[in-house]
N, C-alpha and C. Protein backbone atom coordinates (compact mmCIF):
# COMPACT_ATOMS: atom_id res chain seq x y z
N UNK A 1 0.88 -1.13 0.10
CA UNK A 1 0.09 -0.15 -0.03
C UNK A 1 0.69 1.21 -0.06
N UNK A 2 1.99 1.08 0.90
CA UNK A 2 2.64 2.29 0.85
C UNK A 2 3.54 2.66 -0.60
N UNK A 3 3.89 1.52 -1.12
CA UNK A 3 4.45 1.61 -2.42
C UNK A 3 3.78 2.17 -3.39
N UNK A 4 2.33 1.93 -3.45
CA UNK A 4 1.53 2.29 -4.29
C UNK A 4 1.18 3.82 -4.18
N UNK A 5 1.22 4.33 -2.88
CA UNK A 5 1.03 5.77 -2.42
C UNK A 5 2.14 6.47 -2.83
N UNK A 6 3.38 6.04 -2.56
CA UNK A 6 4.73 6.55 -2.82
C UNK A 6 4.67 6.68 -4.51
N UNK A 7 4.32 5.80 -5.40
CA UNK A 7 4.40 5.91 -6.82
C UNK A 7 3.24 6.98 -7.28
N UNK A 8 1.91 7.08 -6.77
CA UNK A 8 1.25 8.01 -7.05
C UNK A 8 1.73 9.50 -6.76
N UNK A 9 2.27 9.74 -5.62
CA UNK A 9 2.83 10.90 -5.38
C UNK A 9 4.01 11.47 -6.33
N UNK A 10 4.82 10.42 -6.61
CA UNK A 10 6.15 10.84 -7.53
C UNK A 10 5.45 10.92 -8.88
N UNK A 11 4.50 10.12 -9.35
CA UNK A 11 3.76 10.38 -10.69
C UNK A 11 2.92 11.74 -10.79
N UNK A 12 2.36 12.04 -9.72
CA UNK A 12 1.76 13.62 -9.51
C UNK A 12 2.78 14.65 -9.65
N UNK A 13 3.87 14.46 -8.78
CA UNK A 13 4.96 15.51 -8.65
C UNK A 13 5.47 15.73 -10.25
N UNK A 14 5.73 14.69 -10.90
CA UNK A 14 6.32 14.58 -12.37
C UNK A 14 5.24 15.24 -13.16
N UNK A 15 3.98 15.10 -13.06
CA UNK A 15 2.99 15.62 -13.70
C UNK A 15 3.01 17.15 -13.54
N UNK A 16 2.71 17.52 -12.33
CA UNK A 16 2.90 18.95 -11.98
C UNK A 16 4.01 19.83 -12.42
N UNK A 17 5.36 19.27 -12.23
CA UNK A 17 6.67 19.95 -13.07
C UNK A 17 6.54 19.96 -14.28
N UNK A 18 6.05 19.14 -15.04
CA UNK A 18 5.99 18.96 -16.49
C UNK A 18 4.99 20.06 -16.91
N UNK A 19 3.80 20.15 -16.14
CA UNK A 19 2.94 21.13 -16.74
C UNK A 19 2.92 22.56 -16.38
N UNK A 20 4.13 22.55 -15.20
CA UNK A 20 4.46 24.03 -14.96
C UNK A 20 5.31 24.55 -16.15
N UNK A 21 6.42 23.50 -16.26
CA UNK A 21 7.60 23.96 -17.35
C UNK A 21 7.33 23.84 -18.76
N UNK A 22 6.14 23.00 -19.04
CA UNK A 22 5.93 22.95 -20.53
C UNK A 22 5.84 24.34 -21.24
N UNK A 23 4.72 25.19 -20.75
CA UNK A 23 4.60 26.50 -21.65
C UNK A 23 5.68 27.16 -21.58
N UNK A 24 6.80 27.30 -20.56
CA UNK A 24 8.01 28.14 -20.67
C UNK A 24 8.74 27.44 -21.79
N UNK A 25 8.87 26.11 -21.87
CA UNK A 25 9.93 25.54 -23.02
C UNK A 25 9.02 25.75 -24.26
N UNK A 26 7.79 25.73 -24.46
CA UNK A 26 7.05 25.80 -25.75
C UNK A 26 7.53 27.21 -26.21
N UNK A 27 7.35 28.30 -25.34
CA UNK A 27 7.35 29.56 -25.83
C UNK A 27 8.80 29.84 -26.23
N UNK A 28 9.80 29.34 -25.36
CA UNK A 28 11.21 29.54 -25.98
C UNK A 28 11.24 29.09 -27.31
N UNK A 29 10.90 27.65 -27.46
CA UNK A 29 11.10 27.00 -28.86
C UNK A 29 10.32 28.05 -29.89
N UNK A 30 9.22 28.51 -29.58
CA UNK A 30 8.41 29.39 -30.64
C UNK A 30 9.07 30.51 -30.99
N UNK A 31 9.88 31.18 -29.90
CA UNK A 31 10.39 32.37 -30.17
C UNK A 31 11.78 32.04 -31.02
N UNK A 32 12.29 31.18 -30.82
CA UNK A 32 13.66 30.60 -31.27
C UNK A 32 13.78 30.19 -32.95
N UNK A 33 12.39 29.64 -33.44
CA UNK A 33 12.58 29.05 -34.79
C UNK A 33 11.16 29.50 -35.41
N UNK A 34 11.11 29.34 -36.52
CA UNK A 34 10.09 29.91 -37.47
C UNK A 34 10.67 31.17 -38.14
N UNK A 35 9.76 31.62 -39.21
CA UNK A 35 9.73 32.74 -39.58
C UNK A 35 9.33 34.03 -38.84
N UNK A 36 10.23 35.29 -39.03
CA UNK A 36 9.91 36.36 -38.35
C UNK A 36 8.87 37.03 -38.90
N UNK A 37 7.75 37.59 -38.02
CA UNK A 37 6.79 38.31 -38.54
C UNK A 37 7.08 39.44 -39.38
N UNK A 38 6.90 39.67 -40.67
CA UNK A 38 7.16 40.87 -41.30
C UNK A 38 6.02 41.70 -41.82
N UNK A 39 4.85 41.45 -41.40
CA UNK A 39 3.58 42.15 -41.65
C UNK A 39 2.99 41.82 -42.97
N UNK A 40 2.49 42.85 -43.49
CA UNK A 40 1.66 42.65 -44.95
C UNK A 40 2.54 42.25 -45.88
N UNK A 41 3.92 42.61 -45.86
CA UNK A 41 4.72 42.21 -47.05
C UNK A 41 4.92 40.94 -47.36
N UNK A 42 4.81 40.01 -46.22
CA UNK A 42 4.85 38.64 -46.61
C UNK A 42 3.76 37.89 -47.10
N UNK A 43 2.44 38.76 -46.90
CA UNK A 43 1.05 38.12 -47.49
C UNK A 43 1.10 37.50 -48.82
N UNK A 44 0.94 36.53 -49.13
CA UNK A 44 1.09 35.81 -50.46
C UNK A 44 2.38 35.69 -50.87
N UNK A 45 3.41 35.39 -50.07
CA UNK A 45 4.60 35.28 -50.52
C UNK A 45 5.40 34.10 -49.79
N UNK A 46 5.82 33.15 -50.52
CA UNK A 46 6.29 31.97 -49.72
C UNK A 46 7.29 32.16 -49.00
N UNK A 47 7.72 31.44 -48.09
CA UNK A 47 8.80 31.44 -47.21
C UNK A 47 10.18 31.88 -47.65
N UNK A 48 10.73 33.01 -46.82
CA UNK A 48 11.88 33.52 -47.40
C UNK A 48 13.14 32.99 -46.63
N UNK A 49 14.16 33.21 -47.60
CA UNK A 49 15.33 32.11 -47.30
C UNK A 49 15.85 32.56 -45.96
N UNK A 50 16.42 31.54 -44.98
CA UNK A 50 16.82 31.87 -43.71
C UNK A 50 17.94 32.82 -43.68
N UNK A 51 18.93 33.03 -44.84
CA UNK A 51 20.11 33.85 -44.75
C UNK A 51 19.55 35.26 -45.28
N UNK A 52 18.40 35.25 -45.80
CA UNK A 52 17.96 36.44 -46.36
C UNK A 52 17.48 37.61 -45.10
N UNK A 53 17.92 38.73 -45.11
CA UNK A 53 17.67 39.74 -44.10
C UNK A 53 16.54 40.58 -44.64
N UNK A 54 15.39 40.53 -44.22
CA UNK A 54 14.28 41.18 -44.71
C UNK A 54 13.55 42.05 -43.60
N UNK A 55 13.72 43.09 -43.63
CA UNK A 55 13.05 43.87 -42.28
C UNK A 55 11.70 44.49 -42.69
N UNK A 56 11.50 44.47 -44.00
CA UNK A 56 10.35 45.55 -44.22
C UNK A 56 10.55 47.05 -44.61
N UNK A 57 12.01 47.21 -44.23
CA UNK A 57 12.50 48.72 -44.37
C UNK A 57 13.35 49.07 -45.61
N UNK A 58 13.30 48.15 -46.39
CA UNK A 58 14.13 48.22 -47.70
C UNK A 58 13.36 49.00 -48.49
N UNK A 59 14.29 49.73 -49.22
CA UNK A 59 13.94 50.75 -50.31
C UNK A 59 13.21 49.93 -51.63
N UNK A 60 12.32 50.79 -52.11
CA UNK A 60 11.31 50.37 -53.36
C UNK A 60 12.58 50.51 -54.51
N UNK A 61 12.62 49.60 -55.22
CA UNK A 61 13.48 49.52 -56.44
C UNK A 61 12.64 49.77 -57.67
N UNK A 62 13.04 50.18 -58.78
CA UNK A 62 12.29 50.14 -60.05
C UNK A 62 13.38 49.53 -60.91
N UNK A 63 12.93 48.25 -61.47
CA UNK A 63 13.92 47.50 -62.69
C UNK A 63 13.11 47.47 -63.87
N UNK A 64 13.83 48.05 -64.87
CA UNK A 64 13.03 47.50 -66.23
C UNK A 64 13.79 46.20 -66.75
N UNK A 65 12.87 45.41 -67.75
CA UNK A 65 13.68 44.35 -68.11
C UNK A 65 12.30 43.58 -69.10
N UNK A 66 12.43 42.19 -68.95
CA UNK A 66 11.67 41.49 -69.97
C UNK A 66 11.32 40.25 -69.15
N UNK A 67 9.73 40.03 -69.38
CA UNK A 67 9.26 38.74 -68.71
C UNK A 67 9.86 37.56 -69.23
N UNK A 68 10.44 36.45 -68.55
CA UNK A 68 10.80 35.35 -69.13
C UNK A 68 9.69 34.17 -69.19
N UNK A 69 8.95 34.37 -67.93
CA UNK A 69 7.76 33.43 -67.73
C UNK A 69 6.96 33.78 -66.72
N UNK A 70 5.48 33.60 -66.74
CA UNK A 70 4.75 33.81 -65.70
C UNK A 70 4.43 32.20 -65.28
N UNK A 71 4.59 32.04 -64.17
CA UNK A 71 4.31 30.46 -63.50
C UNK A 71 3.51 30.45 -62.28
N UNK A 72 3.09 29.18 -61.88
CA UNK A 72 2.67 29.08 -60.57
C UNK A 72 3.63 29.32 -59.61
N UNK A 73 3.35 29.91 -58.55
CA UNK A 73 4.33 30.23 -57.25
C UNK A 73 4.60 28.95 -56.31
N UNK A 74 5.71 28.40 -56.19
CA UNK A 74 5.80 27.19 -55.41
C UNK A 74 5.58 27.61 -53.77
N UNK A 75 4.93 26.93 -53.33
CA UNK A 75 4.52 26.99 -51.86
C UNK A 75 3.30 27.99 -51.61
N UNK A 76 2.87 28.48 -52.65
CA UNK A 76 1.61 29.15 -52.41
C UNK A 76 0.48 28.56 -53.30
N UNK A 77 -0.60 28.29 -52.81
CA UNK A 77 -1.69 27.57 -53.63
C UNK A 77 -2.24 28.69 -54.55
N UNK A 78 -2.43 28.56 -55.92
CA UNK A 78 -2.95 29.47 -56.88
C UNK A 78 -2.31 30.72 -56.83
N UNK A 79 -0.87 30.87 -56.44
CA UNK A 79 -0.26 32.04 -56.64
C UNK A 79 0.59 32.17 -57.90
N UNK A 80 0.78 33.47 -58.43
CA UNK A 80 1.62 33.65 -59.78
C UNK A 80 2.80 34.23 -59.40
N UNK A 81 3.99 33.95 -60.20
CA UNK A 81 5.21 34.62 -60.13
C UNK A 81 5.60 34.68 -61.36
N UNK A 82 6.34 35.94 -61.41
CA UNK A 82 7.06 35.94 -62.82
C UNK A 82 8.73 35.75 -62.94
N UNK A 83 9.20 34.90 -63.88
CA UNK A 83 10.66 35.22 -63.89
C UNK A 83 10.98 36.31 -64.81
N UNK A 84 11.94 36.90 -64.26
CA UNK A 84 12.17 38.43 -64.71
C UNK A 84 13.61 38.52 -64.98
N UNK A 85 13.98 39.10 -66.24
CA UNK A 85 15.29 39.46 -66.57
C UNK A 85 15.60 40.85 -66.64
N UNK A 86 16.52 41.59 -66.02
CA UNK A 86 16.50 42.97 -66.12
C UNK A 86 17.22 43.42 -67.53
N UNK A 87 17.32 44.76 -67.79
CA UNK A 87 18.01 44.80 -68.76
C UNK A 87 19.62 44.90 -68.56
N UNK A 88 19.93 44.96 -67.42
CA UNK A 88 21.30 44.46 -67.17
C UNK A 88 21.83 43.18 -67.13
N UNK A 89 20.84 42.12 -67.20
CA UNK A 89 20.83 40.81 -67.20
C UNK A 89 20.74 40.05 -66.13
N UNK A 90 20.41 40.74 -64.87
CA UNK A 90 20.01 40.05 -63.70
C UNK A 90 18.74 39.28 -63.67
N UNK A 91 18.77 38.17 -62.94
CA UNK A 91 17.52 37.38 -63.09
C UNK A 91 16.88 37.43 -61.92
N UNK A 92 15.73 37.50 -61.50
CA UNK A 92 14.74 37.79 -60.39
C UNK A 92 13.38 36.78 -60.62
N UNK A 93 12.99 36.45 -59.39
CA UNK A 93 11.61 35.81 -59.32
C UNK A 93 10.99 37.08 -58.86
N UNK A 94 9.73 37.45 -59.60
CA UNK A 94 9.14 38.41 -59.10
C UNK A 94 7.58 37.88 -58.50
N UNK A 95 7.33 38.00 -57.18
CA UNK A 95 6.14 37.35 -56.47
C UNK A 95 5.03 38.43 -56.85
N UNK A 96 3.93 38.11 -57.65
CA UNK A 96 2.96 38.79 -58.02
C UNK A 96 1.71 38.81 -57.21
N UNK A 97 0.98 37.69 -57.03
CA UNK A 97 -0.24 37.48 -56.17
C UNK A 97 -0.97 36.32 -56.63
N UNK A 98 -2.31 36.44 -56.17
CA UNK A 98 -3.18 35.20 -56.34
C UNK A 98 -3.66 35.19 -57.88
N UNK A 99 -3.71 33.92 -58.50
CA UNK A 99 -3.73 33.80 -59.78
C UNK A 99 -5.24 34.57 -60.21
N UNK A 100 -6.37 34.33 -59.56
CA UNK A 100 -7.33 35.01 -59.54
C UNK A 100 -7.43 36.57 -59.85
N UNK A 101 -6.74 37.26 -59.19
CA UNK A 101 -6.52 38.62 -58.94
C UNK A 101 -5.52 38.78 -60.41
N UNK A 102 -4.54 38.39 -60.72
CA UNK A 102 -3.74 38.76 -61.54
C UNK A 102 -4.60 38.57 -63.35
N UNK A 103 -5.35 37.55 -63.19
CA UNK A 103 -5.85 37.07 -64.38
C UNK A 103 -7.21 38.02 -64.70
N UNK A 104 -7.66 38.76 -63.67
CA UNK A 104 -8.93 39.58 -63.72
C UNK A 104 -8.42 40.99 -63.83
N UNK A 105 -7.27 41.23 -64.33
CA UNK A 105 -6.81 42.55 -64.63
C UNK A 105 -6.70 42.94 -66.00
N UNK A 106 -6.63 43.94 -66.52
CA UNK A 106 -6.72 44.67 -67.90
C UNK A 106 -5.40 44.16 -68.52
N UNK A 107 -4.29 44.43 -67.91
CA UNK A 107 -2.86 44.25 -68.41
C UNK A 107 -2.53 42.56 -68.38
N UNK A 108 -2.31 41.87 -69.04
CA UNK A 108 -1.51 40.58 -69.27
C UNK A 108 -0.01 40.59 -69.32
N UNK A 109 0.78 39.53 -68.91
CA UNK A 109 2.01 39.46 -69.04
C UNK A 109 2.28 38.27 -69.97
N UNK A 110 3.10 38.38 -70.73
CA UNK A 110 3.69 37.27 -71.40
C UNK A 110 5.11 36.97 -71.71
N UNK A 111 5.61 35.92 -71.82
CA UNK A 111 7.13 35.69 -72.04
C UNK A 111 7.54 36.65 -73.04
N UNK A 112 8.61 37.38 -73.09
CA UNK A 112 9.14 38.62 -74.16
C UNK A 112 8.80 39.67 -73.77
N UNK A 113 7.55 39.86 -73.05
CA UNK A 113 7.22 41.44 -72.77
C UNK A 113 8.12 42.22 -72.32
N UNK A 114 8.21 43.34 -72.79
CA UNK A 114 9.09 44.54 -72.16
C UNK A 114 8.27 45.04 -70.84
N UNK A 115 8.64 45.15 -69.38
CA UNK A 115 8.04 45.47 -68.37
C UNK A 115 8.81 46.33 -67.56
N UNK A 116 8.27 47.12 -66.45
CA UNK A 116 8.96 47.56 -65.63
C UNK A 116 8.55 47.04 -64.18
N UNK A 117 9.22 46.61 -63.23
CA UNK A 117 8.90 46.09 -62.18
C UNK A 117 9.34 46.87 -60.95
N UNK A 118 8.47 47.17 -59.86
CA UNK A 118 8.53 48.17 -58.90
C UNK A 118 8.29 47.27 -57.61
N UNK A 119 9.20 47.26 -56.73
CA UNK A 119 8.87 46.63 -55.53
C UNK A 119 9.97 46.57 -54.58
N UNK A 120 9.99 45.68 -53.53
CA UNK A 120 11.11 45.41 -52.60
C UNK A 120 11.94 44.37 -53.09
N UNK A 121 13.28 44.45 -52.97
CA UNK A 121 14.10 43.41 -53.48
C UNK A 121 14.79 42.70 -52.38
N UNK A 122 14.84 41.40 -52.35
CA UNK A 122 15.33 40.57 -51.24
C UNK A 122 16.15 39.39 -51.97
N UNK A 123 17.37 39.18 -51.84
CA UNK A 123 18.07 38.19 -52.69
C UNK A 123 17.84 38.31 -54.11
N UNK A 124 17.54 37.01 -54.72
CA UNK A 124 17.15 37.13 -56.18
C UNK A 124 15.75 37.02 -56.02
N UNK A 125 14.89 37.72 -55.34
CA UNK A 125 13.44 37.98 -55.49
C UNK A 125 12.98 39.48 -55.40
N UNK A 126 12.05 39.61 -56.14
CA UNK A 126 11.31 41.02 -55.65
C UNK A 126 9.79 40.69 -55.36
N UNK A 127 9.46 41.51 -54.22
CA UNK A 127 8.06 41.24 -54.02
C UNK A 127 7.51 42.81 -54.61
N UNK A 128 6.69 42.38 -55.74
CA UNK A 128 6.22 43.63 -56.56
C UNK A 128 5.04 44.46 -55.88
N UNK A 129 5.16 45.68 -56.13
CA UNK A 129 4.17 46.72 -55.63
C UNK A 129 3.43 47.03 -56.85
N UNK A 130 4.14 47.20 -57.98
CA UNK A 130 3.41 47.55 -59.34
C UNK A 130 4.40 46.67 -60.47
N UNK A 131 3.51 46.31 -61.69
CA UNK A 131 4.16 46.19 -62.79
C UNK A 131 3.69 46.74 -63.85
N UNK A 132 4.47 47.54 -64.76
CA UNK A 132 3.87 48.17 -65.67
C UNK A 132 4.48 47.57 -67.11
N UNK A 133 3.38 47.76 -68.08
CA UNK A 133 3.72 47.14 -69.47
C UNK A 133 3.10 48.47 -70.46
N UNK A 134 3.85 48.81 -71.13
CA UNK A 134 3.45 50.14 -71.89
C UNK A 134 2.74 51.30 -71.35
N UNK A 135 1.68 51.43 -71.43
CA UNK A 135 0.86 52.53 -70.60
C UNK A 135 -0.10 52.09 -69.58
N UNK A 136 0.16 50.95 -69.25
CA UNK A 136 -0.69 50.18 -68.32
C UNK A 136 0.02 49.60 -67.04
N UNK A 137 -0.44 49.68 -65.66
CA UNK A 137 0.11 49.41 -64.66
C UNK A 137 -0.65 48.50 -63.91
N UNK A 138 -0.16 47.37 -63.56
CA UNK A 138 -1.01 46.76 -62.61
C UNK A 138 -0.52 47.00 -61.03
N UNK A 139 -1.46 47.65 -60.30
CA UNK A 139 -1.00 47.52 -58.69
C UNK A 139 -1.25 46.48 -57.91
N UNK A 140 -0.01 46.12 -57.20
CA UNK A 140 -0.17 44.69 -56.53
C UNK A 140 -0.34 45.01 -54.87
N UNK A 141 0.53 45.78 -54.62
CA UNK A 141 0.76 46.25 -53.24
C UNK A 141 0.72 47.72 -52.82
N UNK A 142 0.44 48.02 -51.52
CA UNK A 142 0.77 49.50 -51.08
C UNK A 142 2.08 49.67 -50.85
N UNK A 143 2.92 50.39 -51.25
CA UNK A 143 4.34 50.79 -51.02
C UNK A 143 4.81 51.23 -49.74
N UNK A 144 3.55 51.78 -48.84
CA UNK A 144 3.75 52.11 -47.54
C UNK A 144 4.03 51.02 -46.50
N UNK A 145 3.04 49.95 -46.58
CA UNK A 145 2.93 49.04 -45.56
C UNK A 145 2.97 47.53 -46.15
N UNK A 146 2.92 47.58 -47.70
CA UNK A 146 2.92 46.25 -48.09
C UNK A 146 1.57 45.50 -48.44
N UNK A 147 0.49 46.19 -47.82
CA UNK A 147 -0.61 45.77 -47.89
C UNK A 147 -1.16 45.20 -49.31
N UNK A 148 -1.46 43.95 -49.75
CA UNK A 148 -1.67 43.58 -51.02
C UNK A 148 -3.00 44.12 -51.37
N UNK A 149 -3.12 44.65 -52.77
CA UNK A 149 -4.36 44.89 -53.47
C UNK A 149 -5.63 44.12 -53.43
N UNK A 150 -5.25 42.69 -53.16
CA UNK A 150 -6.49 41.71 -53.35
C UNK A 150 -6.91 41.62 -51.80
N UNK A 151 -6.53 42.26 -50.85
CA UNK A 151 -7.11 42.22 -49.33
C UNK A 151 -7.94 43.30 -49.34
N UNK A 152 -9.36 43.35 -49.64
CA UNK A 152 -10.00 44.26 -49.71
C UNK A 152 -10.53 44.96 -48.38
N UNK A 153 -10.34 44.27 -47.35
CA UNK A 153 -11.19 44.61 -46.12
C UNK A 153 -10.01 44.77 -44.88
N UNK A 154 -10.29 45.68 -44.20
CA UNK A 154 -9.30 46.14 -43.19
C UNK A 154 -10.27 46.73 -42.05
N UNK A 155 -9.58 46.96 -40.84
CA UNK A 155 -10.40 47.47 -39.69
C UNK A 155 -10.66 49.13 -40.18
N UNK A 156 -12.00 49.71 -40.00
CA UNK A 156 -12.11 50.76 -40.19
C UNK A 156 -11.72 51.75 -39.10
N UNK A 157 -11.01 52.81 -39.46
CA UNK A 157 -10.83 53.94 -38.32
C UNK A 157 -12.07 54.57 -37.88
N UNK A 158 -12.31 54.80 -36.66
CA UNK A 158 -13.48 55.43 -36.04
C UNK A 158 -13.47 57.06 -36.25
N UNK A 159 -14.56 57.60 -37.07
CA UNK A 159 -14.53 58.88 -37.17
C UNK A 159 -15.23 59.79 -36.21
N UNK A 160 -14.51 60.87 -36.07
CA UNK A 160 -15.18 61.62 -34.96
C UNK A 160 -15.99 62.79 -35.47
């Protein structure tokens, strides 16, 4: 009887200690791993490279060049990206947005088209804010905060 009581006390103590320490251990693990939140700039963008330093404070760049290919975005269901070659010969992946949004715009992009990509560059990719072709521009994101144009709804500020 005493042996059973001791075992029950030991099991209860282990359970209490583990329940007390578990939230602390999980909190530390979640802080040390996983992607860093980068706000609206990462909406609709697959995971960024671990070695890429992307804070959201990078300058907007404008790159003229040609479309190599428009293709499905890897890691994002129904997302589209553009393979893009600048006039200087640099190659980039341009993250555009959801297929339904891109395909319902007046301007269309095809391989060989001369375009101008505007957005934030990180590594060998550009998160596009605008892509222009001829006298037409497709607006994809807000440059101030990165909020995608396809995200229609946001909290309304209270008017006084």
